[in-house]
């Protein structure tokens, strides 16, 4: 028996691709990592889990050279490494796809993939080779995207897949995927998983960070859970369940994934009639009603233009025709400011690009949408009132931060999302347009967001809730509006029958207007 154990340990040692030993990292007022150790085997998918602020992204950024660790050692293929920047990591075979996209939006897809390592022909960039290699790379991922198309013209899900393609282009030994499916449809997730498994079978080690626990059980071989900057457990996925993972993550059992629903939708508060966006890449002839005290979900595949719908309602996109009525009265929806004045609020899908003010502190990010209410008749801001409201946001949404003067870019992605949510709550909206509000948020924080949404609708407010996660749409929505290629396919009542076998029906409707 001892001989067998020694043989297993020897094999594991031979297969060890990455070893991070006793890694610590401290920021002002926060110990982000406290002697964390992590191991990755060759040809394996290792899930790294934890609540927002648990230290997952910090640990990976220490590996990738983005953060300088305070103490500890890192070994890659048995060799001691200490990357000082991401380029060193990439050259050594370590790639990372970040949760927040950092792309040059004005440049093409192939420029973004090959930036800094363009293929050359004599003294010039070999544009033909770059196009051919990019086309093949995207095709291998099942993507039909023009390599010459500008990144800024793509949807968030398409841009996410481009980043994954870029990571695979380095022929990396280790690929870190930080929330890779946060904005992907079910079909795209299947394609991604196929690619990940192929990489694993070719000997690549994958570190997979996600808050989608069903995915973890489906794709990973091992699971490590962090909590409050410390490693709690490492086990084979076969020994884990969703309930046990949640307990390890939050330190307690969570009996229900969704709060009990006891809201009762009332009269119509918002009527959208024949809404059509200006330009070709928008929505066409959309009509629906939103009731007081209702959560109206919005589902759809890539290209369904769910985001374009709420952007047109909120005045971010111009409409070419259609009317929007609030409580029976035609409203001005030509700009976001006009919509805010009408009691609407919108939480955008991509927080880094159009949500947070990265260089500003939490107080600024919490209060910026509500500045007029903090000023007196002379235009002087009441700083005490701003601090009080920011404290309310931090406490109500359980934002993990050393203080409201902390720069928001220092927070985890999920905590940034909470601050943005709080910002809009401070405007006292009657209608909230939420585009992927739980994207990149852990299971405990998701529950808090769900509870907050249901508390708001119990008070008579109304919510339009866009999500790529079918279970949460079925878990908290009263109705689900299914989009297909910029058009409304149908609106379904969420009842017990739909919760049991409605996913297939919703997927069929999502394909209704595809050509």
Protein backbone atom coordinates (compact mmCIF):
# COMPACT_ATOMS: atom_id res chain seq x y z
CA UNK A 1 0.00 0.00 0.00
CA UNK A 2 2.84 2.39 0.87
CA UNK A 3 4.59 1.51 -2.41
CA UNK A 4 1.40 2.31 -4.36
CA UNK A 5 1.06 5.65 -2.56
CA UNK A 6 4.68 6.53 -3.28
CA UNK A 7 4.19 5.66 -6.97
CA UNK A 8 1.08 7.88 -7.14
CA UNK A 9 2.96 10.75 -5.50
CA UNK A 10 5.89 10.27 -7.89
CA UNK A 11 3.56 10.35 -10.92
CA UNK A 12 1.83 13.46 -9.60
CA UNK A 13 5.24 15.09 -9.12
CA UNK A 14 6.26 14.25 -12.68
CA UNK A 15 3.03 15.71 -14.01
CA UNK A 16 3.32 18.88 -11.93
CA UNK A 17 3.27 21.82 -14.33
CA UNK A 18 2.81 24.78 -11.99
CA UNK A 19 3.46 25.14 -8.28
CA UNK A 20 2.72 28.30 -6.30
CA UNK A 21 3.98 28.01 -2.70
CA UNK A 22 2.97 30.22 0.24
CA UNK A 23 2.03 33.27 -1.86
CA UNK A 24 1.17 36.41 0.14
CA UNK A 25 0.07 39.81 -1.12
CA UNK A 26 -1.09 42.84 0.84
CA UNK A 27 -2.70 46.05 -0.37
CA UNK A 28 -3.28 49.11 1.85
CA UNK A 29 -5.72 47.93 4.53
CA UNK A 30 -6.32 44.52 2.91
CA UNK A 31 -4.40 41.23 3.09
CA UNK A 32 -5.47 39.83 -0.28
CA UNK A 33 -3.44 36.58 -0.07
CA UNK A 34 -2.22 34.84 3.07
CA UNK A 35 0.27 32.00 2.39
CA UNK A 36 -1.77 30.51 -0.46
CA UNK A 37 -0.43 27.40 -2.22
CA UNK A 38 -1.75 26.11 -5.54
CA UNK A 39 -0.71 23.28 -7.85
CA UNK A 40 -1.61 22.56 -11.48
CA UNK A 41 -1.01 19.23 -13.19
CA UNK A 42 -0.18 18.81 -16.86
CA UNK A 43 -3.23 17.95 -18.96
CA UNK A 44 -5.74 19.02 -16.32
CA UNK A 45 -8.42 21.65 -15.74
CA UNK A 46 -8.19 23.08 -12.23
CA UNK A 47 -11.06 25.28 -11.07
CA UNK A 48 -10.18 28.16 -8.74
CA UNK A 49 -13.22 29.34 -6.78
CA UNK A 50 -14.17 31.81 -4.08
CA UNK A 51 -16.37 34.78 -3.35
CA UNK A 52 -15.56 38.19 -4.83
CA UNK A 53 -12.50 39.48 -3.01
CA UNK A 54 -11.41 35.98 -1.93
CA UNK A 55 -8.10 36.43 -3.78
CA UNK A 56 -8.55 34.39 -6.97
CA UNK A 57 -7.69 37.11 -9.49
CA UNK A 58 -4.95 38.48 -7.22
CA UNK A 59 -3.28 35.06 -7.07
CA UNK A 60 -3.36 34.76 -10.86
CA UNK A 61 -2.07 38.31 -11.33
CA UNK A 62 0.87 37.44 -9.07
CA UNK A 63 1.55 34.48 -11.36
CA UNK A 64 1.23 36.61 -14.49
CA UNK A 65 3.52 39.41 -13.29
CA UNK A 66 0.78 42.03 -13.05
CA UNK A 67 1.16 42.17 -9.25
CA UNK A 68 4.44 41.68 -7.39
CA UNK A 69 3.93 39.11 -4.63
CA UNK A 70 5.15 40.01 -1.14
CA UNK A 71 6.43 36.51 -0.43
CA UNK A 72 6.32 32.95 -1.72
CA UNK A 73 7.73 31.00 -4.67
CA UNK A 74 6.47 30.01 -8.12
CA UNK A 75 7.75 27.04 -10.13
CA UNK A 76 6.88 26.40 -13.79
CA UNK A 77 7.90 22.95 -15.08
CA UNK A 78 10.12 22.66 -12.01
CA UNK A 79 11.96 25.91 -12.75
CA UNK A 80 11.74 28.84 -10.32
CA UNK A 81 10.13 31.85 -12.03
CA UNK A 82 9.29 35.38 -10.96
CA UNK A 83 7.68 37.26 -13.83
CA UNK A 84 7.88 41.05 -13.58
CA UNK A 85 5.42 41.70 -16.42
CA UNK A 86 2.88 39.89 -18.54
CA UNK A 87 5.21 39.71 -21.57
CA UNK A 88 7.68 37.58 -19.61
CA UNK A 89 4.84 35.27 -18.62
CA UNK A 90 3.59 34.95 -22.21
CA UNK A 91 7.06 34.18 -23.55
CA UNK A 92 7.42 31.50 -20.87
CA UNK A 93 4.13 29.87 -21.86
CA UNK A 94 1.61 31.39 -19.40
CA UNK A 95 -1.46 33.11 -20.88
CA UNK A 96 -4.34 34.78 -19.09
CA UNK A 97 -7.78 35.77 -20.36
CA UNK A 98 -8.99 38.46 -17.98
CA UNK A 99 -12.55 38.87 -16.79
CA UNK A 100 -12.47 42.51 -17.90
CA UNK A 101 -11.68 42.89 -21.59
CA UNK A 102 -8.69 45.13 -22.38
CA UNK A 103 -8.67 45.50 -26.15
CA UNK A 104 -7.88 48.23 -28.67
CA UNK A 105 -11.43 48.88 -29.83
CA UNK A 106 -10.41 51.00 -32.83
CA UNK A 107 -8.22 48.24 -34.31
CA UNK A 108 -9.15 45.04 -36.14
CA UNK A 109 -9.61 41.57 -34.69
CA UNK A 110 -6.31 40.35 -36.13
CA UNK A 111 -4.45 43.45 -34.91
CA UNK A 112 -5.65 42.71 -31.38
CA UNK A 113 -4.59 39.07 -31.58
CA UNK A 114 -1.11 39.70 -33.01
CA UNK A 115 -0.34 43.05 -31.37
CA UNK A 116 3.37 43.20 -30.48
CA UNK A 117 4.26 40.09 -32.50
CA UNK A 118 3.14 40.82 -36.05
CA UNK A 119 4.34 38.29 -38.67
CA UNK A 120 6.91 39.96 -40.92
CA UNK A 121 7.84 39.57 -44.55
CA UNK A 122 11.13 41.32 -45.25
CA UNK A 123 10.67 44.74 -43.61
CA UNK A 124 6.89 44.77 -43.71
CA UNK A 125 3.99 43.20 -41.82
CA UNK A 126 2.77 40.08 -43.61
CA UNK A 127 -0.91 41.06 -43.74
CA UNK A 128 -1.88 38.01 -45.81
CA UNK A 129 -0.37 35.53 -43.34
CA UNK A 130 -1.87 37.38 -40.39
CA UNK A 131 -5.32 37.24 -41.99
CA UNK A 132 -4.97 33.55 -42.91
CA UNK A 133 -3.72 32.51 -39.44
CA UNK A 134 -6.44 34.53 -37.69
CA UNK A 135 -9.16 33.10 -39.91
CA UNK A 136 -8.05 29.54 -39.14
CA UNK A 137 -7.78 30.25 -35.42
CA UNK A 138 -11.30 31.66 -35.28
CA UNK A 139 -12.64 28.83 -37.42
CA UNK A 140 -11.15 26.26 -35.01
CA UNK A 141 -13.21 27.95 -32.27
CA UNK A 142 -16.32 27.81 -34.44
CA UNK A 143 -16.39 31.58 -34.97
CA UNK A 144 -17.41 33.19 -38.23
CA UNK A 145 -15.89 36.64 -37.66
CA UNK A 146 -14.08 38.77 -40.23
CA UNK A 147 -10.46 39.19 -38.97
CA UNK A 148 -10.46 42.71 -40.44
CA UNK A 149 -13.53 43.81 -38.52
CA UNK A 150 -12.92 46.37 -35.77
CA UNK A 151 -13.11 44.98 -32.24
CA UNK A 152 -15.37 47.86 -31.23
CA UNK A 153 -18.02 46.64 -33.69
CA UNK A 154 -18.29 43.21 -32.03
CA UNK A 155 -20.59 42.17 -29.20
CA UNK A 156 -19.12 41.52 -25.75
CA UNK A 157 -19.48 37.75 -26.23
CA UNK A 158 -17.64 37.86 -29.57
CA UNK A 159 -14.88 39.95 -28.01
CA UNK A 160 -14.59 37.42 -25.18
CA UNK A 161 -14.06 34.63 -27.69
CA UNK A 162 -11.40 36.72 -29.48
CA UNK A 163 -9.45 36.96 -26.21
CA UNK A 164 -9.66 33.19 -25.77
CA UNK A 165 -8.44 32.72 -29.35
CA UNK A 166 -5.53 35.06 -28.61
CA UNK A 167 -4.57 33.01 -25.54
CA UNK A 168 -4.51 29.78 -27.56
CA UNK A 169 -2.33 31.45 -30.23
CA UNK A 170 0.66 31.56 -27.84
CA UNK A 171 0.87 27.74 -27.66
CA UNK A 172 0.86 28.18 -23.90
CA UNK A 173 1.60 25.52 -21.28
CA UNK A 174 -0.70 27.26 -18.79
CA UNK A 175 -3.85 29.18 -19.69
CA UNK A 176 -5.76 31.09 -17.02
CA UNK A 177 -9.41 31.71 -17.88
CA UNK A 178 -11.03 34.30 -15.58
CA UNK A 179 -14.83 34.10 -15.99
CA UNK A 180 -14.53 33.09 -19.68
CA UNK A 181 -18.24 32.35 -20.13
CA UNK A 182 -19.63 35.38 -18.29
CA UNK A 183 -21.15 36.77 -21.51
CA UNK A 184 -21.35 33.66 -23.71
CA UNK A 185 -24.48 31.87 -24.85
CA UNK A 186 -25.05 28.18 -24.21
CA UNK A 187 -23.95 27.29 -27.74
CA UNK A 188 -20.77 29.35 -27.39
CA UNK A 189 -20.03 27.73 -24.03
CA UNK A 190 -20.22 24.30 -25.68
CA UNK A 191 -17.70 25.44 -28.32
CA UNK A 192 -15.42 26.86 -25.66
CA UNK A 193 -15.55 23.69 -23.57
CA UNK A 194 -14.68 21.63 -26.65
CA UNK A 195 -11.61 23.82 -27.19
CA UNK A 196 -10.60 23.67 -23.51
CA UNK A 197 -10.82 19.87 -23.47
CA UNK A 198 -8.72 19.67 -26.64
CA UNK A 199 -6.06 21.87 -25.03
CA UNK A 200 -6.13 19.71 -21.89
CA UNK A 201 -5.79 16.51 -23.93
CA UNK A 202 -2.74 18.03 -25.63
CA UNK A 203 -1.05 18.46 -22.24
CA UNK A 204 -1.98 22.07 -21.50
CA UNK A 205 -2.86 23.04 -17.93
CA UNK A 206 -6.02 25.15 -17.57
CA UNK A 207 -6.82 27.28 -14.53
CA UNK A 208 -10.55 27.98 -14.68
CA UNK A 209 -12.10 30.76 -12.60
CA UNK A 210 -15.90 30.95 -12.63
CA UNK A 211 -18.91 31.59 -10.43
CA UNK A 212 -21.07 29.26 -12.54
CA UNK A 213 -20.92 26.17 -10.36
CA UNK A 214 -22.69 23.87 -12.83
CA UNK A 215 -19.89 24.64 -15.30
CA UNK A 216 -17.25 23.78 -12.71
CA UNK A 217 -18.69 20.31 -12.16
CA UNK A 218 -18.91 19.81 -15.92
CA UNK A 219 -15.49 20.99 -17.08
CA UNK A 220 -12.94 20.70 -14.27
CA UNK A 221 -10.79 17.86 -12.90
CA UNK A 222 -9.85 19.50 -9.59
CA UNK A 223 -11.25 22.31 -7.48
CA UNK A 224 -9.49 24.73 -5.12
CA UNK A 225 -11.55 27.13 -3.00
CA UNK A 226 -10.19 30.37 -1.51
CA UNK A 227 -11.88 32.35 1.24
CA UNK A 228 -10.68 35.67 2.66
CA UNK A 229 -7.27 35.30 1.02
CA UNK A 230 -6.61 31.76 2.29
CA UNK A 231 -6.89 28.34 0.68
CA UNK A 232 -9.77 26.41 2.22
CA UNK A 233 -9.71 23.15 0.28
CA UNK A 234 -8.37 21.35 -2.81
CA UNK A 235 -10.24 18.23 -3.97
CA UNK A 236 -10.99 16.24 -7.13
CA UNK A 237 -14.23 17.48 -8.69
CA UNK A 238 -15.69 13.99 -8.27
CA UNK A 239 -15.72 14.61 -4.51
CA UNK A 240 -17.54 17.95 -4.77
CA UNK A 241 -21.17 18.99 -5.14
CA UNK A 242 -22.68 22.43 -5.69
CA UNK A 243 -23.79 22.52 -2.05
CA UNK A 244 -20.35 21.59 -0.73
CA UNK A 245 -18.64 24.15 -2.98
CA UNK A 246 -20.99 26.89 -1.74
CA UNK A 247 -20.34 25.91 1.88
CA UNK A 248 -16.57 26.05 1.35
CA UNK A 249 -16.86 29.41 -0.44
CA UNK A 250 -19.05 31.29 2.02
CA UNK A 251 -18.30 29.35 5.21
CA UNK A 252 -21.92 28.37 5.67
CA UNK A 253 -24.65 26.44 3.88
CA UNK A 254 -27.01 28.30 1.53
CA UNK A 255 -30.21 26.31 1.31
CA UNK A 256 -31.75 28.08 -1.68
CA UNK A 257 -30.05 29.60 -4.72
CA UNK A 258 -32.90 32.10 -5.17
CA UNK A 259 -34.92 34.04 -2.59
CA UNK A 260 -38.63 33.24 -2.26
CA UNK A 261 -40.78 35.29 -4.64
CA UNK A 262 -43.84 37.02 -3.19
CA UNK A 263 -44.17 40.05 -5.45
CA UNK A 264 -47.45 40.69 -7.28
CA UNK A 265 -47.19 42.54 -10.63
CA UNK A 266 -49.76 45.31 -11.01
CA UNK A 267 -50.69 47.87 -13.65
CA UNK A 268 -48.63 48.65 -16.74
CA UNK A 269 -46.01 51.36 -16.02
CA UNK A 270 -43.97 51.23 -19.23
CA UNK A 271 -45.25 50.60 -22.75
CA UNK A 272 -42.86 50.23 -25.66
CA UNK A 273 -44.57 50.53 -29.04
CA UNK A 274 -42.97 49.51 -32.37
CA UNK A 275 -39.48 50.47 -31.18
CA UNK A 276 -36.83 50.39 -33.91
CA UNK A 277 -33.20 51.47 -33.49
CA UNK A 278 -31.52 53.80 -35.96
CA UNK A 279 -29.01 51.96 -38.15
CA UNK A 280 -28.87 48.34 -39.26
CA UNK A 281 -27.45 46.78 -36.09
CA UNK A 282 -30.34 47.40 -33.72
CA UNK A 283 -33.81 46.20 -32.77
CA UNK A 284 -36.81 46.14 -35.07
CA UNK A 285 -40.46 46.77 -34.31
CA UNK A 286 -40.37 45.78 -30.62
CA UNK A 287 -43.54 46.17 -28.54
CA UNK A 288 -44.05 45.08 -24.93
CA UNK A 289 -45.49 46.22 -21.59
CA UNK A 290 -43.76 46.29 -18.21
CA UNK A 291 -45.89 46.13 -15.07
CA UNK A 292 -45.37 47.66 -11.66
CA UNK A 293 -43.73 45.22 -9.27
CA UNK A 294 -42.56 42.94 -12.10
CA UNK A 295 -39.24 41.38 -13.06
CA UNK A 296 -39.29 41.00 -16.85
CA UNK A 297 -36.43 38.81 -18.06
CA UNK A 298 -34.80 39.13 -21.46
CA UNK A 299 -33.23 36.06 -23.07
CA UNK A 300 -31.60 35.45 -26.43
CA UNK A 301 -28.62 34.07 -28.33
CA UNK A 302 -25.56 35.91 -29.62
CA UNK A 303 -26.81 38.60 -32.01
CA UNK A 304 -30.29 38.71 -30.47
CA UNK A 305 -29.57 42.38 -29.57
CA UNK A 306 -30.80 42.32 -26.01
CA UNK A 307 -28.32 45.03 -25.05
CA UNK A 308 -29.31 47.12 -28.07
CA UNK A 309 -32.93 46.96 -26.85
CA UNK A 310 -32.28 48.50 -23.43
CA UNK A 311 -29.76 50.97 -24.89
CA UNK A 312 -32.45 52.23 -27.27
CA UNK A 313 -34.99 52.50 -24.44
CA UNK A 314 -32.47 54.41 -22.31
CA UNK A 315 -31.47 56.84 -25.05
CA UNK A 316 -27.93 55.55 -25.54
CA UNK A 317 -28.89 54.48 -29.06
CA UNK A 318 -31.08 56.61 -31.28
CA UNK A 319 -34.41 55.23 -32.37
CA UNK A 320 -35.72 55.61 -35.90
CA UNK A 321 -39.34 55.02 -34.91
CA UNK A 322 -41.54 53.95 -32.04
CA UNK A 323 -42.83 55.47 -28.81
CA UNK A 324 -42.22 54.85 -25.12
CA UNK A 325 -44.99 55.58 -22.63
CA UNK A 326 -44.61 55.78 -18.86
CA UNK A 327 -47.86 55.53 -16.91
CA UNK A 328 -49.72 56.29 -20.13
CA UNK A 329 -47.78 59.46 -20.98
CA UNK A 330 -45.36 59.71 -23.90
CA UNK A 331 -41.86 60.35 -22.51
CA UNK A 332 -38.69 61.92 -23.84
CA UNK A 333 -36.16 59.12 -24.33
CA UNK A 334 -33.66 60.94 -26.53
CA UNK A 335 -30.82 60.82 -23.99
CA UNK A 336 -29.80 58.97 -20.81
CA UNK A 337 -30.21 62.19 -18.78
CA UNK A 338 -33.81 62.55 -19.99
CA UNK A 339 -34.48 58.92 -19.07
CA UNK A 340 -32.95 59.39 -15.60
CA UNK A 341 -35.25 62.39 -15.10
CA UNK A 342 -38.15 60.10 -16.03
CA UNK A 343 -37.20 57.64 -13.28
CA UNK A 344 -35.28 55.11 -15.37
CA UNK A 345 -31.86 53.68 -14.50
CA UNK A 346 -29.58 51.39 -16.50
CA UNK A 347 -26.79 49.12 -15.32
CA UNK A 348 -24.63 48.38 -18.37
CA UNK A 349 -23.17 45.01 -19.32
CA UNK A 350 -19.51 46.00 -19.61
CA UNK A 351 -18.61 47.74 -16.38
CA UNK A 352 -14.96 48.46 -17.19
CA UNK A 353 -15.71 50.27 -20.46
CA UNK A 354 -18.90 52.13 -19.65
CA UNK A 355 -19.66 51.48 -15.97
CA UNK A 356 -16.89 52.49 -13.60
CA UNK A 357 -14.68 55.57 -13.43
CA UNK A 358 -11.54 53.50 -12.88
CA UNK A 359 -9.26 56.25 -11.53
CA UNK A 360 -11.88 57.64 -9.13
CA UNK A 361 -12.77 56.45 -5.64
CA UNK A 362 -15.85 54.58 -4.43
CA UNK A 363 -17.56 57.76 -3.22
CA UNK A 364 -17.35 59.35 -6.67
CA UNK A 365 -18.51 56.17 -8.43
CA UNK A 366 -21.44 55.80 -6.01
CA UNK A 367 -22.74 59.36 -6.27
CA UNK A 368 -21.91 60.56 -9.82
CA UNK A 369 -25.34 59.74 -11.31
CA UNK A 370 -27.08 61.67 -8.54
CA UNK A 371 -24.86 64.77 -8.24
CA UNK A 372 -27.69 67.37 -8.56
CA UNK A 373 -29.31 66.01 -5.38
CA UNK A 374 -26.12 66.61 -3.40
CA UNK A 375 -25.80 70.28 -4.37
CA UNK A 376 -27.37 73.29 -2.63
CA UNK A 377 -28.87 76.28 -4.43
CA UNK A 378 -25.39 77.78 -4.84
CA UNK A 379 -24.14 74.59 -6.50
CA UNK A 380 -21.93 73.57 -3.56
CA UNK A 381 -21.79 69.81 -2.93
CA UNK A 382 -22.75 68.47 0.48
CA UNK A 383 -19.78 66.13 1.09
CA UNK A 384 -21.21 64.75 4.33
CA UNK A 385 -24.39 63.68 2.56
CA UNK A 386 -22.32 62.08 -0.22
CA UNK A 387 -20.29 60.15 2.34
CA UNK A 388 -23.46 59.00 4.13
CA UNK A 389 -25.00 57.74 0.88
CA UNK A 390 -21.77 55.98 -0.09
CA UNK A 391 -21.73 54.27 3.32
CA UNK A 392 -25.30 53.13 2.59
CA UNK A 393 -24.16 51.58 -0.71
CA UNK A 394 -21.22 49.81 0.95
CA UNK A 395 -23.31 48.41 3.81
CA UNK A 396 -26.47 47.57 1.85
CA UNK A 397 -24.61 45.73 -0.92
CA UNK A 398 -21.83 44.31 1.31
CA UNK A 399 -19.05 45.89 -0.73
CA UNK A 400 -15.67 44.57 0.40
CA UNK A 401 -13.40 47.62 0.69
CA UNK A 402 -11.15 49.24 3.31
CA UNK A 403 -13.01 52.53 2.83
CA UNK A 404 -15.00 54.69 0.44
CA UNK A 405 -11.88 56.68 -0.46
CA UNK A 406 -10.39 53.56 -2.03
CA UNK A 407 -10.01 53.63 -5.83
CA UNK A 408 -12.71 51.46 -7.42
CA UNK A 409 -10.21 49.80 -9.78
CA UNK A 410 -8.64 48.19 -6.69
CA UNK A 411 -11.86 46.25 -5.97
CA UNK A 412 -12.70 42.85 -7.39
CA UNK A 413 -14.99 42.81 -10.41
CA UNK A 414 -17.99 41.71 -8.37
CA UNK A 415 -17.53 44.48 -5.82
CA UNK A 416 -17.22 47.03 -8.63
CA UNK A 417 -20.57 45.75 -9.93
CA UNK A 418 -22.14 46.25 -6.51
CA UNK A 419 -20.97 49.87 -6.40
CA UNK A 420 -22.49 50.57 -9.83
CA UNK A 421 -25.74 48.94 -8.74
CA UNK A 422 -25.75 51.13 -5.65
CA UNK A 423 -25.10 54.23 -7.77
CA UNK A 424 -28.35 53.70 -9.64
CA UNK A 425 -30.31 52.88 -6.51
CA UNK A 426 -29.34 56.31 -5.16
CA UNK A 427 -31.23 57.92 -8.07
CA UNK A 428 -34.46 56.39 -6.63
CA UNK A 429 -35.55 54.92 -9.97
CA UNK A 430 -38.99 53.49 -10.58
CA UNK A 431 -37.76 51.35 -13.52
CA UNK A 432 -34.39 49.59 -13.62
CA UNK A 433 -32.84 48.22 -16.82
CA UNK A 434 -30.27 45.65 -15.71
CA UNK A 435 -27.92 44.22 -18.36
CA UNK A 436 -26.19 41.10 -16.95
CA UNK A 437 -26.23 42.47 -13.37
CA UNK A 438 -24.76 39.28 -11.84
CA UNK A 439 -21.98 38.86 -14.40
CA UNK A 440 -18.77 37.88 -12.59
CA UNK A 441 -20.41 37.84 -9.15
CA UNK A 442 -20.08 34.95 -6.70
CA UNK A 443 -23.00 32.82 -5.53
CA UNK A 444 -23.37 34.59 -2.17
CA UNK A 445 -23.33 38.05 -3.74
CA UNK A 446 -25.74 36.90 -6.45
CA UNK A 447 -28.23 35.94 -3.76
CA UNK A 448 -27.90 39.43 -2.27
CA UNK A 449 -28.54 41.00 -5.70
CA UNK A 450 -31.56 38.74 -6.32
CA UNK A 451 -32.96 39.62 -2.90
CA UNK A 452 -32.43 43.33 -3.53
CA UNK A 453 -34.22 43.10 -6.89
CA UNK A 454 -37.18 41.25 -5.38
CA UNK A 455 -37.33 43.72 -2.49
CA UNK A 456 -37.45 46.57 -5.02
CA UNK A 457 -40.32 45.05 -7.02
CA UNK A 458 -42.22 44.37 -3.78
CA UNK A 459 -42.05 48.15 -3.27
CA UNK A 460 -43.71 48.61 -6.67
CA UNK A 461 -40.61 49.27 -8.76
CA UNK A 462 -40.13 47.45 -12.07
CA UNK A 463 -37.10 45.63 -13.46
CA UNK A 464 -36.02 44.58 -16.93
CA UNK A 465 -33.44 41.82 -16.33
CA UNK A 466 -31.10 40.68 -19.13
CA UNK A 467 -29.18 37.48 -18.42
CA UNK A 468 -27.31 34.75 -20.27
CA UNK A 469 -27.99 32.38 -17.36
CA UNK A 470 -31.26 30.58 -17.94
CA UNK A 471 -31.60 29.27 -14.35
CA UNK A 472 -31.57 32.78 -12.86
CA UNK A 473 -34.11 34.04 -15.40
CA UNK A 474 -36.41 31.18 -14.43
CA UNK A 475 -35.56 31.69 -10.75
CA UNK A 476 -36.49 35.36 -10.25
CA UNK A 477 -38.47 36.59 -13.28
CA UNK A 478 -42.24 36.82 -13.65
CA UNK A 479 -42.10 36.76 -17.44
CA UNK A 480 -39.32 36.17 -19.99
CA UNK A 481 -39.09 38.11 -23.24
CA UNK A 482 -37.21 36.08 -25.86
CA UNK A 483 -35.23 38.03 -28.47
CA UNK A 484 -34.13 36.65 -31.84
CA UNK A 485 -32.02 38.60 -34.34
CA UNK A 486 -33.23 41.98 -33.10
CA UNK A 487 -36.90 41.00 -33.02
CA UNK A 488 -39.28 39.88 -30.31
CA UNK A 489 -39.94 36.13 -30.62
CA UNK A 490 -42.38 35.77 -27.71
CA UNK A 491 -43.06 36.65 -24.07
CA UNK A 492 -43.53 33.70 -21.72
CA UNK A 493 -45.13 33.56 -18.29
CA UNK A 494 -42.77 31.92 -15.78
CA UNK A 495 -44.74 29.16 -14.12
CA UNK A 496 -43.80 25.77 -12.68
CA UNK A 497 -44.09 24.09 -16.07
CA UNK A 498 -41.67 26.57 -17.67
CA UNK A 499 -39.21 26.16 -14.80
CA UNK A 500 -39.19 22.38 -15.30
CA UNK A 501 -38.86 22.09 -19.07
CA UNK A 502 -38.84 25.63 -20.43
CA UNK A 503 -35.18 25.93 -21.41
CA UNK A 504 -35.66 23.97 -24.64
CA UNK A 505 -38.71 26.09 -25.54
CA UNK A 506 -36.79 29.32 -24.92
CA UNK A 507 -33.87 28.09 -27.06
CA UNK A 508 -36.23 27.28 -29.94
CA UNK A 509 -37.75 30.75 -29.74
CA UNK A 510 -34.25 32.28 -29.68
CA UNK A 511 -33.69 30.82 -33.16
CA UNK A 512 -37.05 31.93 -34.57
CA UNK A 513 -35.78 34.77 -36.80
CA UNK A 514 -32.29 33.49 -37.56
CA UNK A 515 -31.41 33.21 -41.26
